[in-house]
Amino acid sequence: MPAENVVTLRPATPEDTAAVARIWYLGWQDGHLGNVPAELLAIRTEESFTARAAQRIADTTVATVGGAVAGFVMVVEDEVEQVYVSREHRGSAVAAALLAEAERLVAEGGHECAWLAVVGGNTRARRFYERGGWRDEGPFDYAAASEAGPIPVPAHRYVKDVTPSGRSTQPVP
């Protein structure tokens, strides 16, 4: 694989905030427009993603390709909260590398099972997780944070065993 196509994972730094925010904002729109309540859509502005990215740097891992941020994952305890890949790197090894790292971080934190939420209409993401061995436990209302209080978002809860015998051992290209 040419060096410019190698996926490198590292903890995010404050200098990554703008790239993370842009990938998050565009990716969120791709997966959520038409799939979330209008109340949530109204507050998920581009500026809100910049502020949230800055606040979340400590629990963010970025994937870089050719030195540029190509995607990121945010993990808190046993939840894989956010997984986003830039449009130009979708369909590459970036998402798989980020998800494998998220599973590793959850296991390293002492948890046997990881979970994540996917809005029901985001079929591309749901297929990706299912191909990676994640199980759909069915619909639930995810409590999206807002200044006015949580906004219930119809989603599906996906889970995966992250104990050593349950994690994927496939190498990341």
N, C-alpha and C. Protein backbone atom coordinates (compact mmCIF):
# COMPACT_ATOMS: atom_id res chain seq x y z
N MET A 1 0.86 -1.18 0.00
CA MET A 1 0.00 0.00 0.00
C MET A 1 0.90 1.24 0.00
N PRO A 2 0.67 2.16 -0.91
CA PRO A 2 1.48 3.38 -0.93
C PRO A 2 1.33 4.14 0.39
N ALA A 3 2.42 4.81 0.81
CA ALA A 3 2.43 5.52 2.09
C ALA A 3 1.30 6.54 2.19
N GLU A 4 0.92 7.15 1.08
CA GLU A 4 -0.15 8.17 1.15
C GLU A 4 -1.52 7.56 1.41
N ASN A 5 -1.64 6.21 1.34
CA ASN A 5 -2.91 5.53 1.60
C ASN A 5 -2.93 4.80 2.94
N VAL A 6 -1.86 4.88 3.71
CA VAL A 6 -1.78 4.20 4.99
C VAL A 6 -2.64 4.94 6.02
N VAL A 7 -3.43 4.16 6.76
CA VAL A 7 -4.29 4.72 7.81
C VAL A 7 -3.50 4.69 9.12
N THR A 8 -3.38 5.84 9.74
CA THR A 8 -2.69 5.96 11.03
C THR A 8 -3.69 6.46 12.06
N LEU A 9 -3.72 5.82 13.21
CA LEU A 9 -4.60 6.23 14.30
C LEU A 9 -3.78 6.91 15.38
N ARG A 10 -4.37 7.96 15.97
CA ARG A 10 -3.71 8.66 17.08
C ARG A 10 -4.76 9.43 17.87
N PRO A 11 -4.43 9.74 19.14
CA PRO A 11 -5.35 10.59 19.91
C PRO A 11 -5.48 11.96 19.23
N ALA A 12 -6.67 12.49 19.25
CA ALA A 12 -6.90 13.82 18.68
C ALA A 12 -6.21 14.88 19.52
N THR A 13 -5.85 15.97 18.87
CA THR A 13 -5.27 17.13 19.54
C THR A 13 -6.16 18.35 19.24
N PRO A 14 -6.00 19.42 19.99
CA PRO A 14 -6.80 20.62 19.70
C PRO A 14 -6.65 21.10 18.25
N GLU A 15 -5.51 20.84 17.64
CA GLU A 15 -5.30 21.25 16.25
C GLU A 15 -6.20 20.48 15.28
N ASP A 16 -6.76 19.37 15.72
CA ASP A 16 -7.64 18.55 14.87
C ASP A 16 -9.09 19.01 14.92
N THR A 17 -9.41 19.95 15.79
CA THR A 17 -10.81 20.33 16.02
C THR A 17 -11.54 20.72 14.73
N ALA A 18 -10.96 21.56 13.91
CA ALA A 18 -11.65 22.01 12.69
C ALA A 18 -11.93 20.84 11.75
N ALA A 19 -10.96 19.95 11.56
CA ALA A 19 -11.15 18.81 10.66
C ALA A 19 -12.20 17.86 11.22
N VAL A 20 -12.15 17.58 12.51
CA VAL A 20 -13.14 16.70 13.14
C VAL A 20 -14.53 17.31 13.00
N ALA A 21 -14.66 18.60 13.29
CA ALA A 21 -15.96 19.27 13.22
C ALA A 21 -16.54 19.21 11.81
N ARG A 22 -15.71 19.43 10.80
CA ARG A 22 -16.19 19.42 9.40
C ARG A 22 -16.66 18.02 8.99
N ILE A 23 -15.85 17.00 9.31
CA ILE A 23 -16.23 15.62 8.98
C ILE A 23 -17.50 15.24 9.72
N TRP A 24 -17.60 15.62 10.98
CA TRP A 24 -18.76 15.29 11.81
C TRP A 24 -20.01 15.96 11.27
N TYR A 25 -19.93 17.25 10.95
CA TYR A 25 -21.08 17.99 10.45
C TYR A 25 -21.60 17.40 9.13
N LEU A 26 -20.71 17.20 8.18
CA LEU A 26 -21.13 16.66 6.88
C LEU A 26 -21.63 15.22 7.00
N GLY A 27 -20.93 14.42 7.78
CA GLY A 27 -21.35 13.03 7.97
C GLY A 27 -22.67 12.92 8.71
N TRP A 28 -22.85 13.78 9.71
CA TRP A 28 -24.10 13.76 10.47
C TRP A 28 -25.26 14.09 9.54
N GLN A 29 -25.07 15.07 8.68
CA GLN A 29 -26.14 15.41 7.73
C GLN A 29 -26.45 14.21 6.83
N ASP A 30 -25.43 13.56 6.31
CA ASP A 30 -25.64 12.42 5.41
C ASP A 30 -26.46 11.32 6.07
N GLY A 31 -26.21 11.06 7.35
CA GLY A 31 -26.89 9.96 8.02
C GLY A 31 -28.15 10.33 8.78
N HIS A 32 -28.36 11.62 9.03
CA HIS A 32 -29.45 12.01 9.91
C HIS A 32 -30.57 12.83 9.28
N LEU A 33 -30.28 13.56 8.20
CA LEU A 33 -31.34 14.36 7.58
C LEU A 33 -32.50 13.45 7.19
N GLY A 34 -33.69 13.80 7.62
CA GLY A 34 -34.87 12.99 7.34
C GLY A 34 -35.06 11.85 8.31
N ASN A 35 -34.11 11.66 9.24
CA ASN A 35 -34.19 10.53 10.16
C ASN A 35 -34.26 10.94 11.63
N VAL A 36 -34.24 12.24 11.90
CA VAL A 36 -34.27 12.72 13.28
C VAL A 36 -35.34 13.79 13.43
N PRO A 37 -35.78 14.04 14.66
CA PRO A 37 -36.79 15.07 14.89
C PRO A 37 -36.30 16.46 14.44
N ALA A 38 -37.21 17.27 13.95
CA ALA A 38 -36.89 18.63 13.51
C ALA A 38 -36.26 19.44 14.63
N GLU A 39 -36.66 19.18 15.87
CA GLU A 39 -36.11 19.88 17.03
C GLU A 39 -34.59 19.65 17.13
N LEU A 40 -34.12 18.44 16.84
CA LEU A 40 -32.69 18.16 16.88
C LEU A 40 -31.99 18.78 15.68
N LEU A 41 -32.58 18.64 14.53
CA LEU A 41 -32.01 19.21 13.31
C LEU A 41 -31.77 20.72 13.46
N ALA A 42 -32.69 21.40 14.11
CA ALA A 42 -32.59 22.86 14.28
C ALA A 42 -31.38 23.28 15.11
N ILE A 43 -30.94 22.44 16.04
CA ILE A 43 -29.82 22.83 16.90
C ILE A 43 -28.48 22.24 16.45
N ARG A 44 -28.48 21.33 15.50
CA ARG A 44 -27.24 20.73 15.02
C ARG A 44 -26.71 21.54 13.84
N THR A 45 -26.31 22.77 14.15
CA THR A 45 -25.75 23.67 13.16
C THR A 45 -24.26 23.38 12.98
N GLU A 46 -23.69 23.91 11.93
CA GLU A 46 -22.25 23.73 11.71
C GLU A 46 -21.46 24.25 12.92
N GLU A 47 -21.87 25.38 13.47
CA GLU A 47 -21.20 25.95 14.63
C GLU A 47 -21.29 25.03 15.84
N SER A 48 -22.43 24.35 15.99
CA SER A 48 -22.57 23.45 17.14
C SER A 48 -21.59 22.28 17.05
N PHE A 49 -21.30 21.82 15.85
CA PHE A 49 -20.34 20.72 15.70
C PHE A 49 -18.93 21.19 16.01
N THR A 50 -18.60 22.43 15.69
CA THR A 50 -17.28 22.98 16.02
C THR A 50 -17.12 23.05 17.54
N ALA A 51 -18.14 23.55 18.23
CA ALA A 51 -18.08 23.65 19.69
C ALA A 51 -18.01 22.27 20.32
N ARG A 52 -18.82 21.34 19.85
CA ARG A 52 -18.84 19.99 20.42
C ARG A 52 -17.53 19.27 20.14
N ALA A 53 -16.96 19.44 18.96
CA ALA A 53 -15.68 18.79 18.64
C ALA A 53 -14.59 19.27 19.59
N ALA A 54 -14.56 20.56 19.86
CA ALA A 54 -13.56 21.12 20.77
C ALA A 54 -13.71 20.55 22.18
N GLN A 55 -14.95 20.37 22.60
CA GLN A 55 -15.23 19.85 23.94
C GLN A 55 -14.89 18.36 24.06
N ARG A 56 -14.87 17.66 22.95
CA ARG A 56 -14.74 16.20 22.97
C ARG A 56 -13.37 15.67 22.54
N ILE A 57 -12.39 16.54 22.38
CA ILE A 57 -11.07 16.12 21.91
C ILE A 57 -10.47 15.02 22.79
N ALA A 58 -10.67 15.10 24.10
CA ALA A 58 -10.07 14.12 25.02
C ALA A 58 -10.54 12.70 24.78
N ASP A 59 -11.76 12.50 24.27
CA ASP A 59 -12.22 11.13 24.02
C ASP A 59 -12.34 10.84 22.52
N THR A 60 -11.51 11.51 21.74
CA THR A 60 -11.53 11.34 20.28
C THR A 60 -10.21 10.75 19.78
N THR A 61 -10.33 9.78 18.91
CA THR A 61 -9.20 9.21 18.18
C THR A 61 -9.41 9.58 16.72
N VAL A 62 -8.37 10.07 16.06
CA VAL A 62 -8.48 10.40 14.64
C VAL A 62 -7.72 9.37 13.81
N ALA A 63 -8.20 9.19 12.60
CA ALA A 63 -7.51 8.41 11.58
C ALA A 63 -6.97 9.40 10.57
N THR A 64 -5.70 9.27 10.25
CA THR A 64 -5.12 10.14 9.24
C THR A 64 -4.68 9.30 8.05
N VAL A 65 -4.76 9.90 6.89
CA VAL A 65 -4.28 9.31 5.64
C VAL A 65 -3.48 10.40 4.95
N GLY A 66 -2.23 10.11 4.66
CA GLY A 66 -1.38 11.12 4.04
C GLY A 66 -1.22 12.35 4.90
N GLY A 67 -1.30 12.19 6.22
CA GLY A 67 -1.13 13.30 7.14
C GLY A 67 -2.39 14.12 7.42
N ALA A 68 -3.47 13.87 6.69
CA ALA A 68 -4.71 14.62 6.89
C ALA A 68 -5.74 13.78 7.64
N VAL A 69 -6.54 14.43 8.48
CA VAL A 69 -7.58 13.72 9.22
C VAL A 69 -8.62 13.22 8.22
N ALA A 70 -8.85 11.89 8.26
CA ALA A 70 -9.78 11.24 7.34
C ALA A 70 -11.03 10.75 8.05
N GLY A 71 -11.00 10.71 9.37
CA GLY A 71 -12.14 10.25 10.14
C GLY A 71 -11.81 10.28 11.61
N PHE A 72 -12.81 9.96 12.43
CA PHE A 72 -12.61 9.96 13.88
C PHE A 72 -13.62 9.06 14.55
N VAL A 73 -13.31 8.71 15.79
CA VAL A 73 -14.22 7.96 16.64
C VAL A 73 -14.14 8.56 18.04
N MET A 74 -15.30 8.62 18.71
CA MET A 74 -15.37 9.09 20.10
C MET A 74 -15.92 7.95 20.94
N VAL A 75 -15.18 7.62 21.99
CA VAL A 75 -15.57 6.52 22.88
C VAL A 75 -15.64 7.04 24.30
N VAL A 76 -16.75 6.73 24.98
CA VAL A 76 -16.91 7.07 26.39
C VAL A 76 -17.42 5.82 27.09
N GLU A 77 -16.58 5.31 27.98
CA GLU A 77 -16.87 4.09 28.71
C GLU A 77 -17.16 2.96 27.73
N ASP A 78 -18.38 2.39 27.73
CA ASP A 78 -18.68 1.27 26.84
C ASP A 78 -19.43 1.69 25.57
N GLU A 79 -19.62 2.99 25.41
CA GLU A 79 -20.36 3.47 24.23
C GLU A 79 -19.42 4.04 23.16
N VAL A 80 -19.62 3.55 21.96
CA VAL A 80 -18.96 4.14 20.79
C VAL A 80 -19.91 5.24 20.34
N GLU A 81 -19.62 6.47 20.75
CA GLU A 81 -20.58 7.56 20.58
C GLU A 81 -20.64 8.10 19.16
N GLN A 82 -19.50 8.23 18.52
CA GLN A 82 -19.48 8.83 17.18
C GLN A 82 -18.44 8.09 16.34
N VAL A 83 -18.80 7.75 15.11
CA VAL A 83 -17.85 7.20 14.14
C VAL A 83 -18.16 7.89 12.82
N TYR A 84 -17.21 8.68 12.33
CA TYR A 84 -17.43 9.40 11.07
C TYR A 84 -16.17 9.37 10.23
N VAL A 85 -16.38 9.23 8.93
CA VAL A 85 -15.29 9.21 7.96
C VAL A 85 -15.61 10.26 6.90
N SER A 86 -14.59 10.98 6.47
CA SER A 86 -14.80 11.99 5.43
C SER A 86 -15.34 11.33 4.17
N ARG A 87 -16.11 12.07 3.42
CA ARG A 87 -16.74 11.52 2.22
C ARG A 87 -15.73 10.89 1.28
N GLU A 88 -14.55 11.52 1.12
CA GLU A 88 -13.57 11.00 0.16
C GLU A 88 -12.88 9.73 0.64
N HIS A 89 -13.05 9.36 1.93
CA HIS A 89 -12.42 8.14 2.43
C HIS A 89 -13.42 7.04 2.76
N ARG A 90 -14.69 7.26 2.47
CA ARG A 90 -15.68 6.21 2.69
C ARG A 90 -15.40 5.07 1.72
N GLY A 91 -15.59 3.86 2.20
CA GLY A 91 -15.34 2.70 1.37
C GLY A 91 -13.88 2.26 1.38
N SER A 92 -13.06 2.95 2.17
CA SER A 92 -11.65 2.59 2.32
C SER A 92 -11.50 1.85 3.65
N ALA A 93 -10.29 1.71 4.11
CA ALA A 93 -10.02 1.01 5.37
C ALA A 93 -10.21 1.90 6.60
N VAL A 94 -10.53 3.16 6.42
CA VAL A 94 -10.58 4.10 7.53
C VAL A 94 -11.66 3.72 8.56
N ALA A 95 -12.87 3.48 8.14
CA ALA A 95 -13.95 3.18 9.08
C ALA A 95 -13.67 1.90 9.86
N ALA A 96 -13.19 0.87 9.18
CA ALA A 96 -12.89 -0.39 9.86
C ALA A 96 -11.79 -0.21 10.89
N ALA A 97 -10.78 0.59 10.57
CA ALA A 97 -9.70 0.85 11.52
C ALA A 97 -10.22 1.60 12.74
N LEU A 98 -11.07 2.58 12.52
CA LEU A 98 -11.62 3.35 13.64
C LEU A 98 -12.52 2.48 14.52
N LEU A 99 -13.34 1.65 13.91
CA LEU A 99 -14.23 0.81 14.70
C LEU A 99 -13.44 -0.23 15.49
N ALA A 100 -12.41 -0.81 14.89
CA ALA A 100 -11.57 -1.76 15.62
C ALA A 100 -10.89 -1.07 16.81
N GLU A 101 -10.45 0.18 16.62
CA GLU A 101 -9.84 0.93 17.71
C GLU A 101 -10.87 1.21 18.80
N ALA A 102 -12.09 1.55 18.43
CA ALA A 102 -13.14 1.80 19.41
C ALA A 102 -13.40 0.54 20.23
N GLU A 103 -13.48 -0.60 19.58
CA GLU A 103 -13.69 -1.86 20.28
C GLU A 103 -12.54 -2.12 21.25
N ARG A 104 -11.33 -1.85 20.82
CA ARG A 104 -10.14 -2.04 21.67
C ARG A 104 -10.22 -1.12 22.90
N LEU A 105 -10.60 0.14 22.69
CA LEU A 105 -10.69 1.09 23.79
C LEU A 105 -11.75 0.69 24.81
N VAL A 106 -12.89 0.20 24.32
CA VAL A 106 -13.95 -0.24 25.23
C VAL A 106 -13.44 -1.42 26.06
N ALA A 107 -12.80 -2.38 25.42
CA ALA A 107 -12.26 -3.54 26.13
C ALA A 107 -11.18 -3.11 27.12
N GLU A 108 -10.31 -2.21 26.68
CA GLU A 108 -9.23 -1.71 27.54
C GLU A 108 -9.81 -1.02 28.78
N GLY A 109 -10.98 -0.45 28.65
CA GLY A 109 -11.65 0.21 29.77
C GLY A 109 -12.32 -0.76 30.72
N GLY A 110 -12.19 -2.06 30.46
CA GLY A 110 -12.72 -3.08 31.36
C GLY A 110 -14.13 -3.53 31.04
N HIS A 111 -14.64 -3.16 29.88
CA HIS A 111 -16.01 -3.56 29.51
C HIS A 111 -15.97 -4.79 28.60
N GLU A 112 -16.95 -5.66 28.77
CA GLU A 112 -17.03 -6.86 27.95
C GLU A 112 -17.83 -6.65 26.67
N CYS A 113 -18.67 -5.61 26.67
CA CYS A 113 -19.56 -5.38 25.53
C CYS A 113 -19.55 -3.88 25.20
N ALA A 114 -19.49 -3.59 23.92
CA ALA A 114 -19.58 -2.21 23.44
C ALA A 114 -20.98 -2.01 22.86
N TRP A 115 -21.42 -0.76 22.86
CA TRP A 115 -22.70 -0.48 22.22
C TRP A 115 -22.62 0.85 21.49
N LEU A 116 -23.54 1.01 20.55
CA LEU A 116 -23.66 2.27 19.82
C LEU A 116 -25.08 2.41 19.32
N ALA A 117 -25.44 3.62 18.98
CA ALA A 117 -26.79 3.91 18.48
C ALA A 117 -26.69 4.37 17.04
N VAL A 118 -27.63 3.90 16.22
CA VAL A 118 -27.70 4.30 14.81
C VAL A 118 -29.15 4.65 14.51
N VAL A 119 -29.37 5.84 13.92
CA VAL A 119 -30.74 6.17 13.56
C VAL A 119 -31.24 5.14 12.54
N GLY A 120 -32.51 4.78 12.68
CA GLY A 120 -33.06 3.71 11.87
C GLY A 120 -32.90 3.87 10.38
N GLY A 121 -33.03 5.08 9.89
CA GLY A 121 -32.95 5.31 8.45
C GLY A 121 -31.54 5.34 7.88
N ASN A 122 -30.52 5.24 8.72
CA ASN A 122 -29.14 5.26 8.25
C ASN A 122 -28.72 3.84 7.88
N THR A 123 -29.26 3.36 6.77
CA THR A 123 -29.02 1.96 6.37
C THR A 123 -27.58 1.69 6.01
N ARG A 124 -26.87 2.66 5.46
CA ARG A 124 -25.46 2.46 5.12
C ARG A 124 -24.66 2.13 6.38
N ALA A 125 -24.85 2.91 7.43
CA ALA A 125 -24.14 2.67 8.69
C ALA A 125 -24.58 1.35 9.32
N ARG A 126 -25.85 1.07 9.29
CA ARG A 126 -26.35 -0.18 9.89
C ARG A 126 -25.74 -1.39 9.20
N ARG A 127 -25.65 -1.37 7.88
CA ARG A 127 -25.02 -2.49 7.14
C ARG A 127 -23.54 -2.61 7.51
N PHE A 128 -22.85 -1.47 7.62
CA PHE A 128 -21.43 -1.49 7.98
C PHE A 128 -21.23 -2.16 9.34
N TYR A 129 -22.00 -1.78 10.34
CA TYR A 129 -21.85 -2.38 11.67
C TYR A 129 -22.19 -3.87 11.65
N GLU A 130 -23.23 -4.23 10.96
CA GLU A 130 -23.61 -5.64 10.89
C GLU A 130 -22.52 -6.48 10.22
N ARG A 131 -21.89 -5.95 9.17
CA ARG A 131 -20.77 -6.67 8.53
C ARG A 131 -19.60 -6.84 9.51
N GLY A 132 -19.46 -5.93 10.47
CA GLY A 132 -18.39 -5.99 11.45
C GLY A 132 -18.72 -6.82 12.68
N GLY A 133 -19.85 -7.53 12.65
CA GLY A 133 -20.20 -8.41 13.75
C GLY A 133 -21.04 -7.78 14.85
N TRP A 134 -21.50 -6.56 14.62
CA TRP A 134 -22.37 -5.90 15.59
C TRP A 134 -23.79 -6.43 15.42
N ARG A 135 -24.50 -6.61 16.55
CA ARG A 135 -25.87 -7.13 16.54
C ARG A 135 -26.87 -6.02 16.84
N ASP A 136 -27.92 -5.98 16.06
CA ASP A 136 -29.00 -5.01 16.26
C ASP A 136 -29.91 -5.56 17.35
N GLU A 137 -29.96 -4.87 18.49
CA GLU A 137 -30.84 -5.29 19.59
C GLU A 137 -32.22 -4.66 19.49
N GLY A 138 -32.44 -3.89 18.42
CA GLY A 138 -33.76 -3.33 18.21
C GLY A 138 -33.85 -1.84 18.48
N PRO A 139 -35.04 -1.30 18.23
CA PRO A 139 -35.24 0.14 18.36
C PRO A 139 -35.30 0.61 19.82
N PHE A 140 -34.88 1.84 20.01
CA PHE A 140 -34.99 2.52 21.30
C PHE A 140 -34.88 4.02 21.02
N ASP A 141 -35.21 4.83 21.99
CA ASP A 141 -35.07 6.28 21.86
C ASP A 141 -33.74 6.70 22.48
N TYR A 142 -32.84 7.21 21.64
CA TYR A 142 -31.56 7.72 22.11
C TYR A 142 -31.78 9.14 22.61
N ALA A 143 -31.24 9.46 23.76
CA ALA A 143 -31.40 10.79 24.35
C ALA A 143 -30.29 11.71 23.86
N ALA A 144 -30.57 12.49 22.80
CA ALA A 144 -29.59 13.43 22.26
C ALA A 144 -29.56 14.67 23.15
N ALA A 145 -28.36 15.07 23.51
CA ALA A 145 -28.20 16.22 24.41
C ALA A 145 -28.57 17.53 23.72
N SER A 146 -29.21 18.39 24.49
CA SER A 146 -29.50 19.75 24.04
C SER A 146 -29.56 20.63 25.27
N GLU A 147 -29.42 21.94 25.07
CA GLU A 147 -29.48 22.87 26.21
C GLU A 147 -30.83 22.83 26.90
N ALA A 148 -31.88 22.51 26.17
CA ALA A 148 -33.23 22.46 26.73
C ALA A 148 -33.54 21.10 27.35
N GLY A 149 -32.59 20.19 27.31
CA GLY A 149 -32.81 18.85 27.84
C GLY A 149 -32.74 17.83 26.72
N PRO A 150 -32.73 16.56 27.07
CA PRO A 150 -32.58 15.50 26.07
C PRO A 150 -33.72 15.50 25.04
N ILE A 151 -33.34 15.20 23.80
CA ILE A 151 -34.30 15.06 22.71
C ILE A 151 -34.32 13.59 22.31
N PRO A 152 -35.49 12.92 22.43
CA PRO A 152 -35.53 11.51 22.05
C PRO A 152 -35.41 11.34 20.53
N VAL A 153 -34.47 10.48 20.12
CA VAL A 153 -34.22 10.22 18.71
C VAL A 153 -34.42 8.73 18.45
N PRO A 154 -35.36 8.38 17.56
CA PRO A 154 -35.55 6.96 17.25
C PRO A 154 -34.27 6.38 16.64
N ALA A 155 -33.77 5.31 17.27
CA ALA A 155 -32.52 4.71 16.83
C ALA A 155 -32.58 3.20 17.06
N HIS A 156 -31.53 2.53 16.64
CA HIS A 156 -31.34 1.12 16.93
C HIS A 156 -30.09 0.98 17.78
N ARG A 157 -30.16 0.11 18.77
CA ARG A 157 -29.02 -0.15 19.64
C ARG A 157 -28.27 -1.37 19.08
N TYR A 158 -27.00 -1.16 18.78
CA TYR A 158 -26.12 -2.22 18.30
C TYR A 158 -25.13 -2.56 19.40
N VAL A 159 -24.83 -3.84 19.56
CA VAL A 159 -23.90 -4.30 20.59
C VAL A 159 -22.89 -5.26 19.97
N LYS A 160 -21.73 -5.34 20.65
CA LYS A 160 -20.72 -6.30 20.22
C LYS A 160 -19.88 -6.70 21.42
N ASP A 161 -19.64 -7.99 21.55
CA ASP A 161 -18.75 -8.52 22.57
C ASP A 161 -17.34 -8.07 22.21
N VAL A 162 -16.65 -7.44 23.15
CA VAL A 162 -15.29 -6.97 22.88
C VAL A 162 -14.25 -7.68 23.74
N THR A 163 -14.65 -8.79 24.36
CA THR A 163 -13.66 -9.59 25.07
C THR A 163 -12.73 -10.17 24.02
N PRO A 164 -11.53 -10.57 24.40
CA PRO A 164 -10.58 -11.05 23.39
C PRO A 164 -11.14 -12.12 22.44
N SER A 165 -12.00 -13.00 22.93
CA SER A 165 -12.54 -14.03 22.03
C SER A 165 -13.64 -13.48 21.13
N GLY A 166 -14.22 -12.32 21.49
CA GLY A 166 -15.32 -11.78 20.70
C GLY A 166 -14.94 -10.73 19.70
N ARG A 167 -13.72 -10.18 19.84
CA ARG A 167 -13.28 -9.10 18.95
C ARG A 167 -12.73 -9.65 17.66
N SER A 168 -12.86 -8.87 16.63
CA SER A 168 -12.30 -9.23 15.35
C SER A 168 -10.78 -9.24 15.48
N THR A 169 -10.17 -10.23 14.87
CA THR A 169 -8.70 -10.29 14.86
C THR A 169 -8.15 -10.02 13.48
N GLN A 170 -9.00 -9.53 12.60
CA GLN A 170 -8.53 -9.22 11.25
C GLN A 170 -7.60 -8.04 11.29
N PRO A 171 -6.46 -8.14 10.62
CA PRO A 171 -5.54 -7.00 10.58
C PRO A 171 -6.15 -5.84 9.81
N VAL A 172 -5.80 -4.65 10.22
CA VAL A 172 -6.25 -3.45 9.54
C VAL A 172 -5.22 -3.13 8.46
N PRO A 173 -5.66 -2.98 7.20
CA PRO A 173 -4.70 -2.74 6.12
C PRO A 173 -3.99 -1.41 6.30
